Amino acid sequence: MFTLGDVEAALPIVRAAVPPTPQYAWPLLCARVGAEVFVKHENHTPIGAFKLRGGLFYVERLKRERPHIKGIVSATRGNHGQSLAFAAQRAGLAAAIVVPHGNSTEKNAAMRGPRKFPSRAQSAHKRCRGSAPNSSNTAATSTKRAPSER
């Protein structure tokens, strides 16, 4: 579990890339549920999701603890991959994000970033392991579904 000190230590890392997100009271929603309700608008972050904070902190910690690292590889369907791709790009790392076959083309495009690579997971993995860091080294690759998912 993390402590209040851990959260406070993450703040400058997150604030360097993500401004505070607005939150608003919604009177009709408050009336409906019978309580004061505030809605936090995470769509105002650079990727439109709260996951960005975790990706930024993870990549910063990874680089601090393993400065020789050249890239990261992750398997995901969407916001987590966007978070890691964004954070890796800011940190000058390559990122290979593996997504399931048939994943949302919009999410894939958001994870892919400004540069596209061959859509084979092994190729993307090799790029992260062996290439020099490049701020546009991001790949979103597709994998076929496992037999149990068909």
N, C-alpha and C. Protein backbone atom coordinates (compact mmCIF):
# COMPACT_ATOMS: atom_id res chain seq x y z
N MET A 1 0.84 -1.18 0.00
CA MET A 1 0.00 0.00 0.00
C MET A 1 0.88 1.24 0.00
N PHE A 2 0.39 2.31 -0.54
CA PHE A 2 1.17 3.54 -0.57
C PHE A 2 0.77 4.45 0.59
N THR A 3 1.64 5.38 0.88
CA THR A 3 1.43 6.31 1.99
C THR A 3 1.09 7.70 1.45
N LEU A 4 0.70 8.58 2.34
CA LEU A 4 0.46 9.97 1.95
C LEU A 4 1.75 10.58 1.39
N GLY A 5 2.89 10.22 1.96
CA GLY A 5 4.18 10.70 1.45
C GLY A 5 4.43 10.25 0.02
N ASP A 6 4.02 9.01 -0.30
CA ASP A 6 4.16 8.52 -1.68
C ASP A 6 3.32 9.36 -2.64
N VAL A 7 2.11 9.67 -2.23
CA VAL A 7 1.22 10.48 -3.07
C VAL A 7 1.80 11.88 -3.25
N GLU A 8 2.29 12.45 -2.18
CA GLU A 8 2.88 13.79 -2.26
C GLU A 8 4.13 13.80 -3.13
N ALA A 9 4.92 12.72 -3.10
CA ALA A 9 6.12 12.63 -3.94
C ALA A 9 5.75 12.51 -5.42
N ALA A 10 4.61 11.94 -5.71
CA ALA A 10 4.18 11.78 -7.10
C ALA A 10 3.66 13.08 -7.70
N LEU A 11 3.21 14.00 -6.87
CA LEU A 11 2.58 15.22 -7.36
C LEU A 11 3.44 16.01 -8.35
N PRO A 12 4.71 16.31 -8.05
CA PRO A 12 5.48 17.09 -9.03
C PRO A 12 5.70 16.35 -10.35
N ILE A 13 5.80 15.03 -10.30
CA ILE A 13 5.97 14.23 -11.52
C ILE A 13 4.72 14.35 -12.38
N VAL A 14 3.57 14.21 -11.75
CA VAL A 14 2.30 14.29 -12.46
C VAL A 14 2.04 15.71 -12.95
N ARG A 15 2.25 16.69 -12.11
CA ARG A 15 1.96 18.09 -12.47
C ARG A 15 2.82 18.59 -13.63
N ALA A 16 3.98 17.98 -13.84
CA ALA A 16 4.83 18.38 -14.96
C ALA A 16 4.14 18.10 -16.30
N ALA A 17 3.19 17.16 -16.32
CA ALA A 17 2.53 16.79 -17.57
C ALA A 17 1.02 16.97 -17.55
N VAL A 18 0.43 16.98 -16.36
CA VAL A 18 -1.03 17.00 -16.26
C VAL A 18 -1.47 18.16 -15.36
N PRO A 19 -2.21 19.09 -15.91
CA PRO A 19 -2.73 20.16 -15.05
C PRO A 19 -3.83 19.60 -14.14
N PRO A 20 -4.14 20.30 -13.07
CA PRO A 20 -5.26 19.84 -12.23
C PRO A 20 -6.53 19.74 -13.08
N THR A 21 -7.28 18.67 -12.90
CA THR A 21 -8.52 18.51 -13.66
C THR A 21 -9.67 19.17 -12.91
N PRO A 22 -10.54 19.85 -13.65
CA PRO A 22 -11.65 20.53 -12.98
C PRO A 22 -12.66 19.55 -12.40
N GLN A 23 -13.32 19.98 -11.35
CA GLN A 23 -14.44 19.20 -10.80
C GLN A 23 -15.59 20.15 -10.55
N TYR A 24 -16.77 19.70 -10.87
CA TYR A 24 -17.94 20.55 -10.77
C TYR A 24 -19.06 19.84 -10.03
N ALA A 25 -19.83 20.62 -9.26
CA ALA A 25 -21.04 20.10 -8.65
C ALA A 25 -22.13 20.06 -9.73
N TRP A 26 -22.93 19.02 -9.71
CA TRP A 26 -24.01 18.87 -10.67
C TRP A 26 -25.33 18.87 -9.89
N PRO A 27 -26.02 20.00 -9.85
CA PRO A 27 -27.23 20.12 -9.02
C PRO A 27 -28.29 19.05 -9.29
N LEU A 28 -28.54 18.71 -10.54
CA LEU A 28 -29.56 17.69 -10.82
C LEU A 28 -29.12 16.32 -10.31
N LEU A 29 -27.85 16.01 -10.44
CA LEU A 29 -27.34 14.74 -9.93
C LEU A 29 -27.39 14.73 -8.41
N CYS A 30 -27.05 15.86 -7.79
CA CYS A 30 -27.13 15.97 -6.33
C CYS A 30 -28.56 15.72 -5.86
N ALA A 31 -29.52 16.34 -6.55
CA ALA A 31 -30.92 16.17 -6.17
C ALA A 31 -31.37 14.72 -6.35
N ARG A 32 -30.90 14.10 -7.39
CA ARG A 32 -31.30 12.71 -7.70
C ARG A 32 -30.81 11.73 -6.64
N VAL A 33 -29.56 11.90 -6.18
CA VAL A 33 -29.00 10.96 -5.21
C VAL A 33 -29.15 11.43 -3.77
N GLY A 34 -29.58 12.67 -3.58
CA GLY A 34 -29.78 13.18 -2.23
C GLY A 34 -28.50 13.46 -1.48
N ALA A 35 -27.46 13.81 -2.21
CA ALA A 35 -26.17 14.11 -1.59
C ALA A 35 -25.43 15.08 -2.49
N GLU A 36 -24.42 15.75 -1.92
CA GLU A 36 -23.59 16.64 -2.72
C GLU A 36 -22.67 15.78 -3.57
N VAL A 37 -22.70 16.00 -4.89
CA VAL A 37 -21.91 15.19 -5.83
C VAL A 37 -21.05 16.12 -6.67
N PHE A 38 -19.77 15.80 -6.76
CA PHE A 38 -18.85 16.52 -7.63
C PHE A 38 -18.37 15.55 -8.70
N VAL A 39 -18.31 16.01 -9.93
CA VAL A 39 -17.84 15.19 -11.03
C VAL A 39 -16.49 15.74 -11.47
N LYS A 40 -15.49 14.87 -11.48
CA LYS A 40 -14.14 15.27 -11.88
C LYS A 40 -13.99 14.99 -13.37
N HIS A 41 -13.62 16.00 -14.13
CA HIS A 41 -13.57 15.91 -15.59
C HIS A 41 -12.19 15.46 -16.08
N GLU A 42 -11.99 14.16 -16.07
CA GLU A 42 -10.71 13.59 -16.49
C GLU A 42 -10.48 13.72 -17.99
N ASN A 43 -11.51 14.07 -18.73
CA ASN A 43 -11.35 14.27 -20.17
C ASN A 43 -10.48 15.49 -20.49
N HIS A 44 -10.07 16.24 -19.46
CA HIS A 44 -9.21 17.40 -19.67
C HIS A 44 -7.71 17.04 -19.56
N THR A 45 -7.38 15.78 -19.32
CA THR A 45 -5.97 15.38 -19.28
C THR A 45 -5.48 15.17 -20.71
N PRO A 46 -4.18 15.12 -20.92
CA PRO A 46 -3.66 14.96 -22.29
C PRO A 46 -4.17 13.72 -23.02
N ILE A 47 -4.52 12.65 -22.29
CA ILE A 47 -5.05 11.45 -22.96
C ILE A 47 -6.53 11.25 -22.68
N GLY A 48 -7.13 12.15 -21.92
CA GLY A 48 -8.56 12.05 -21.65
C GLY A 48 -8.93 10.99 -20.63
N ALA A 49 -8.01 10.60 -19.78
CA ALA A 49 -8.29 9.56 -18.78
C ALA A 49 -7.40 9.73 -17.56
N PHE A 50 -7.88 9.27 -16.42
CA PHE A 50 -7.12 9.40 -15.18
C PHE A 50 -5.89 8.50 -15.14
N LYS A 51 -5.85 7.46 -15.96
CA LYS A 51 -4.75 6.49 -15.94
C LYS A 51 -3.39 7.13 -16.19
N LEU A 52 -3.38 8.28 -16.80
CA LEU A 52 -2.13 8.95 -17.14
C LEU A 52 -1.22 9.14 -15.93
N ARG A 53 -1.80 9.46 -14.79
CA ARG A 53 -1.00 9.72 -13.59
C ARG A 53 -0.17 8.50 -13.20
N GLY A 54 -0.78 7.34 -13.22
CA GLY A 54 -0.07 6.10 -12.87
C GLY A 54 1.04 5.78 -13.85
N GLY A 55 0.78 5.98 -15.13
CA GLY A 55 1.80 5.72 -16.14
C GLY A 55 3.00 6.65 -15.99
N LEU A 56 2.73 7.91 -15.74
CA LEU A 56 3.82 8.88 -15.55
C LEU A 56 4.69 8.51 -14.35
N PHE A 57 4.04 8.18 -13.25
CA PHE A 57 4.79 7.84 -12.04
C PHE A 57 5.56 6.54 -12.21
N TYR A 58 4.92 5.54 -12.85
CA TYR A 58 5.60 4.26 -13.07
C TYR A 58 6.85 4.43 -13.93
N VAL A 59 6.72 5.13 -15.04
CA VAL A 59 7.86 5.29 -15.95
C VAL A 59 8.97 6.11 -15.29
N GLU A 60 8.61 7.13 -14.54
CA GLU A 60 9.63 7.92 -13.85
C GLU A 60 10.38 7.05 -12.85
N ARG A 61 9.66 6.26 -12.08
CA ARG A 61 10.30 5.37 -11.10
C ARG A 61 11.16 4.32 -11.78
N LEU A 62 10.66 3.76 -12.89
CA LEU A 62 11.41 2.76 -13.64
C LEU A 62 12.73 3.34 -14.13
N LYS A 63 12.70 4.54 -14.70
CA LYS A 63 13.93 5.17 -15.18
C LYS A 63 14.90 5.49 -14.05
N ARG A 64 14.35 5.89 -12.92
CA ARG A 64 15.19 6.21 -11.75
C ARG A 64 15.86 4.95 -11.21
N GLU A 65 15.11 3.86 -11.13
CA GLU A 65 15.65 2.61 -10.57
C GLU A 65 16.47 1.80 -11.56
N ARG A 66 16.21 1.97 -12.85
CA ARG A 66 16.91 1.23 -13.91
C ARG A 66 17.27 2.18 -15.05
N PRO A 67 18.25 3.03 -14.84
CA PRO A 67 18.56 4.07 -15.84
C PRO A 67 18.98 3.52 -17.20
N HIS A 68 19.39 2.27 -17.28
CA HIS A 68 19.83 1.68 -18.55
C HIS A 68 18.66 1.25 -19.43
N ILE A 69 17.45 1.27 -18.92
CA ILE A 69 16.28 0.76 -19.65
C ILE A 69 16.10 1.53 -20.95
N LYS A 70 15.75 0.81 -22.04
CA LYS A 70 15.57 1.44 -23.34
C LYS A 70 14.10 1.55 -23.74
N GLY A 71 13.25 0.74 -23.11
CA GLY A 71 11.85 0.77 -23.51
C GLY A 71 10.99 -0.09 -22.61
N ILE A 72 9.70 -0.05 -22.87
CA ILE A 72 8.74 -0.82 -22.11
C ILE A 72 7.81 -1.58 -23.06
N VAL A 73 7.25 -2.67 -22.56
CA VAL A 73 6.28 -3.47 -23.30
C VAL A 73 5.09 -3.70 -22.38
N SER A 74 3.89 -3.55 -22.90
CA SER A 74 2.69 -3.78 -22.11
C SER A 74 1.61 -4.36 -23.00
N ALA A 75 0.69 -5.10 -22.39
CA ALA A 75 -0.49 -5.61 -23.08
C ALA A 75 -1.71 -4.97 -22.44
N THR A 76 -2.56 -4.37 -23.26
CA THR A 76 -3.71 -3.63 -22.73
C THR A 76 -4.72 -3.39 -23.84
N ARG A 77 -5.89 -2.89 -23.47
CA ARG A 77 -6.94 -2.57 -24.45
C ARG A 77 -7.08 -1.07 -24.71
N GLY A 78 -6.54 -0.20 -23.82
CA GLY A 78 -6.84 1.20 -24.06
C GLY A 78 -6.13 2.21 -23.19
N ASN A 79 -6.82 2.74 -22.17
CA ASN A 79 -6.31 3.88 -21.42
C ASN A 79 -4.96 3.61 -20.76
N HIS A 80 -4.76 2.41 -20.24
CA HIS A 80 -3.47 2.08 -19.63
C HIS A 80 -2.36 2.17 -20.68
N GLY A 81 -2.61 1.66 -21.87
CA GLY A 81 -1.63 1.73 -22.94
C GLY A 81 -1.35 3.15 -23.37
N GLN A 82 -2.40 3.98 -23.44
CA GLN A 82 -2.21 5.39 -23.76
C GLN A 82 -1.32 6.05 -22.70
N SER A 83 -1.57 5.70 -21.46
CA SER A 83 -0.79 6.26 -20.35
C SER A 83 0.68 5.90 -20.48
N LEU A 84 0.95 4.63 -20.72
CA LEU A 84 2.35 4.19 -20.83
C LEU A 84 3.03 4.76 -22.07
N ALA A 85 2.32 4.79 -23.18
CA ALA A 85 2.90 5.35 -24.41
C ALA A 85 3.24 6.83 -24.22
N PHE A 86 2.32 7.57 -23.61
CA PHE A 86 2.55 9.00 -23.35
C PHE A 86 3.74 9.19 -22.42
N ALA A 87 3.77 8.43 -21.33
CA ALA A 87 4.85 8.57 -20.34
C ALA A 87 6.19 8.15 -20.94
N ALA A 88 6.21 7.08 -21.71
CA ALA A 88 7.45 6.62 -22.33
C ALA A 88 7.97 7.66 -23.30
N GLN A 89 7.09 8.23 -24.08
CA GLN A 89 7.50 9.25 -25.04
C GLN A 89 8.13 10.44 -24.31
N ARG A 90 7.51 10.89 -23.22
CA ARG A 90 8.07 12.01 -22.44
C ARG A 90 9.43 11.67 -21.85
N ALA A 91 9.63 10.38 -21.53
CA ALA A 91 10.88 9.94 -20.89
C ALA A 91 11.94 9.54 -21.91
N GLY A 92 11.62 9.60 -23.21
CA GLY A 92 12.58 9.22 -24.24
C GLY A 92 12.76 7.73 -24.36
N LEU A 93 11.75 6.95 -23.98
CA LEU A 93 11.81 5.50 -24.07
C LEU A 93 10.97 4.99 -25.23
N ALA A 94 11.35 3.85 -25.76
CA ALA A 94 10.51 3.15 -26.73
C ALA A 94 9.37 2.49 -25.96
N ALA A 95 8.24 2.30 -26.63
CA ALA A 95 7.10 1.63 -26.00
C ALA A 95 6.43 0.71 -27.01
N ALA A 96 6.24 -0.54 -26.63
CA ALA A 96 5.47 -1.48 -27.44
C ALA A 96 4.22 -1.81 -26.65
N ILE A 97 3.07 -1.48 -27.20
CA ILE A 97 1.80 -1.74 -26.54
C ILE A 97 1.09 -2.80 -27.37
N VAL A 98 0.89 -3.97 -26.80
CA VAL A 98 0.25 -5.08 -27.49
C VAL A 98 -1.23 -5.07 -27.14
N VAL A 99 -2.07 -5.09 -28.17
CA VAL A 99 -3.52 -5.04 -27.97
C VAL A 99 -4.16 -6.27 -28.60
N PRO A 100 -5.34 -6.66 -28.12
CA PRO A 100 -6.01 -7.83 -28.71
C PRO A 100 -6.53 -7.54 -30.11
N HIS A 101 -6.60 -8.57 -30.92
CA HIS A 101 -7.16 -8.47 -32.26
C HIS A 101 -8.58 -7.93 -32.16
N GLY A 102 -8.93 -6.97 -33.00
CA GLY A 102 -10.26 -6.40 -32.98
C GLY A 102 -10.43 -5.26 -31.99
N ASN A 103 -9.33 -4.83 -31.37
CA ASN A 103 -9.41 -3.71 -30.43
C ASN A 103 -9.86 -2.44 -31.15
N SER A 104 -10.36 -1.48 -30.40
CA SER A 104 -10.82 -0.21 -30.95
C SER A 104 -9.72 0.46 -31.77
N THR A 105 -10.03 0.79 -33.01
CA THR A 105 -9.03 1.44 -33.87
C THR A 105 -8.66 2.82 -33.32
N GLU A 106 -9.62 3.49 -32.67
CA GLU A 106 -9.33 4.80 -32.09
C GLU A 106 -8.35 4.66 -30.93
N LYS A 107 -8.54 3.67 -30.08
CA LYS A 107 -7.61 3.45 -28.96
C LYS A 107 -6.23 3.07 -29.50
N ASN A 108 -6.20 2.20 -30.51
CA ASN A 108 -4.91 1.81 -31.09
C ASN A 108 -4.18 3.03 -31.63
N ALA A 109 -4.90 3.91 -32.32
CA ALA A 109 -4.27 5.11 -32.88
C ALA A 109 -3.75 6.01 -31.76
N ALA A 110 -4.49 6.12 -30.68
CA ALA A 110 -4.05 6.96 -29.56
C ALA A 110 -2.80 6.39 -28.89
N MET A 111 -2.68 5.08 -28.85
CA MET A 111 -1.50 4.45 -28.25
C MET A 111 -0.31 4.47 -29.19
N ARG A 112 -0.58 4.49 -30.48
CA ARG A 112 0.48 4.39 -31.47
C ARG A 112 1.37 5.60 -31.48
N GLY A 113 0.83 6.76 -31.26
CA GLY A 113 1.64 7.96 -31.26
C GLY A 113 1.99 8.41 -32.66
N PRO A 114 3.00 9.24 -32.77
CA PRO A 114 3.29 9.85 -34.06
C PRO A 114 4.01 8.94 -35.05
N ARG A 115 4.50 7.81 -34.62
CA ARG A 115 5.26 6.94 -35.52
C ARG A 115 4.71 5.53 -35.46
N LYS A 116 4.52 4.88 -36.60
CA LYS A 116 3.95 3.54 -36.64
C LYS A 116 5.04 2.52 -36.96
N PHE A 117 4.94 1.35 -36.34
CA PHE A 117 5.88 0.27 -36.59
C PHE A 117 5.13 -0.95 -37.08
N PRO A 118 5.84 -1.98 -37.57
CA PRO A 118 5.17 -3.20 -38.02
C PRO A 118 4.27 -3.75 -36.91
N SER A 119 3.16 -4.32 -37.31
CA SER A 119 2.17 -4.75 -36.32
C SER A 119 2.41 -6.18 -35.81
N ARG A 120 3.61 -6.55 -35.60
CA ARG A 120 3.91 -7.86 -35.01
C ARG A 120 4.50 -7.64 -33.64
N ALA A 121 3.99 -8.36 -32.68
CA ALA A 121 4.41 -8.17 -31.28
C ALA A 121 5.91 -8.38 -31.12
N GLN A 122 6.48 -9.41 -31.77
CA GLN A 122 7.91 -9.68 -31.62
C GLN A 122 8.74 -8.52 -32.15
N SER A 123 8.34 -7.96 -33.27
CA SER A 123 9.08 -6.84 -33.84
C SER A 123 9.05 -5.65 -32.89
N ALA A 124 7.88 -5.37 -32.33
CA ALA A 124 7.76 -4.25 -31.39
C ALA A 124 8.59 -4.50 -30.15
N HIS A 125 8.58 -5.74 -29.67
CA HIS A 125 9.35 -6.09 -28.48
C HIS A 125 10.84 -5.91 -28.75
N LYS A 126 11.31 -6.35 -29.91
CA LYS A 126 12.72 -6.19 -30.26
C LYS A 126 13.08 -4.70 -30.33
N ARG A 127 12.18 -3.90 -30.86
CA ARG A 127 12.45 -2.47 -30.97
C ARG A 127 12.68 -1.86 -29.59
N CYS A 128 11.88 -2.28 -28.62
CA CYS A 128 12.05 -1.74 -27.27
C CYS A 128 13.31 -2.25 -26.61
N ARG A 129 13.66 -3.50 -26.83
CA ARG A 129 14.83 -4.07 -26.18
C ARG A 129 16.12 -3.57 -26.78
N GLY A 130 16.14 -3.34 -28.11
CA GLY A 130 17.42 -3.07 -28.73
C GLY A 130 17.63 -1.70 -29.31
N SER A 131 16.61 -0.89 -29.40
CA SER A 131 16.81 0.40 -30.06
C SER A 131 17.24 1.47 -29.09
N ALA A 132 17.85 2.47 -29.64
CA ALA A 132 18.18 3.64 -28.82
C ALA A 132 16.88 4.36 -28.49
N PRO A 133 16.81 4.97 -27.34
CA PRO A 133 15.59 5.70 -27.00
C PRO A 133 15.28 6.76 -28.05
N ASN A 134 14.01 6.86 -28.38
CA ASN A 134 13.55 7.82 -29.37
C ASN A 134 12.16 8.25 -28.93
N SER A 135 11.93 9.53 -28.88
CA SER A 135 10.66 10.02 -28.34
C SER A 135 9.46 9.57 -29.16
N SER A 136 9.67 9.07 -30.39
CA SER A 136 8.52 8.63 -31.16
C SER A 136 8.52 7.11 -31.37
N ASN A 137 9.29 6.38 -30.58
CA ASN A 137 9.32 4.92 -30.68
C ASN A 137 8.14 4.29 -29.95
N THR A 138 6.95 4.39 -30.49
CA THR A 138 5.79 3.80 -29.88
C THR A 138 5.09 2.92 -30.89
N ALA A 139 4.78 1.70 -30.49
CA ALA A 139 4.08 0.78 -31.38
C ALA A 139 2.87 0.22 -30.68
N ALA A 140 1.75 0.16 -31.36
CA ALA A 140 0.57 -0.54 -30.85
C ALA A 140 0.39 -1.73 -31.76
N THR A 141 0.61 -2.91 -31.26
CA THR A 141 0.55 -4.10 -32.07
C THR A 141 -0.65 -4.94 -31.69
N SER A 142 -1.15 -5.69 -32.64
CA SER A 142 -2.34 -6.50 -32.42
C SER A 142 -1.97 -7.97 -32.28
N THR A 143 -2.64 -8.67 -31.39
CA THR A 143 -2.45 -10.09 -31.24
C THR A 143 -3.76 -10.79 -31.53
N LYS A 144 -3.68 -12.03 -32.00
CA LYS A 144 -4.90 -12.80 -32.22
C LYS A 144 -5.46 -13.27 -30.91
N ARG A 145 -6.78 -13.45 -30.85
CA ARG A 145 -7.42 -13.92 -29.64
C ARG A 145 -7.03 -15.36 -29.33
N ALA A 146 -6.98 -15.67 -28.06
CA ALA A 146 -6.73 -17.04 -27.63
C ALA A 146 -7.94 -17.89 -28.01
N PRO A 147 -7.75 -19.21 -28.25
CA PRO A 147 -8.87 -20.06 -28.63
C PRO A 147 -10.07 -19.95 -27.68
N SER A 148 -9.82 -19.74 -26.40
CA SER A 148 -10.92 -19.64 -25.43
C SER A 148 -11.74 -18.38 -25.60
N GLU A 149 -11.21 -17.37 -26.32
CA GLU A 149 -11.92 -16.10 -26.50
C GLU A 149 -12.71 -16.06 -27.80
N ARG A 150 -12.59 -17.09 -28.64
CA ARG A 150 -13.26 -17.08 -29.95
C ARG A 150 -14.70 -17.46 -29.83
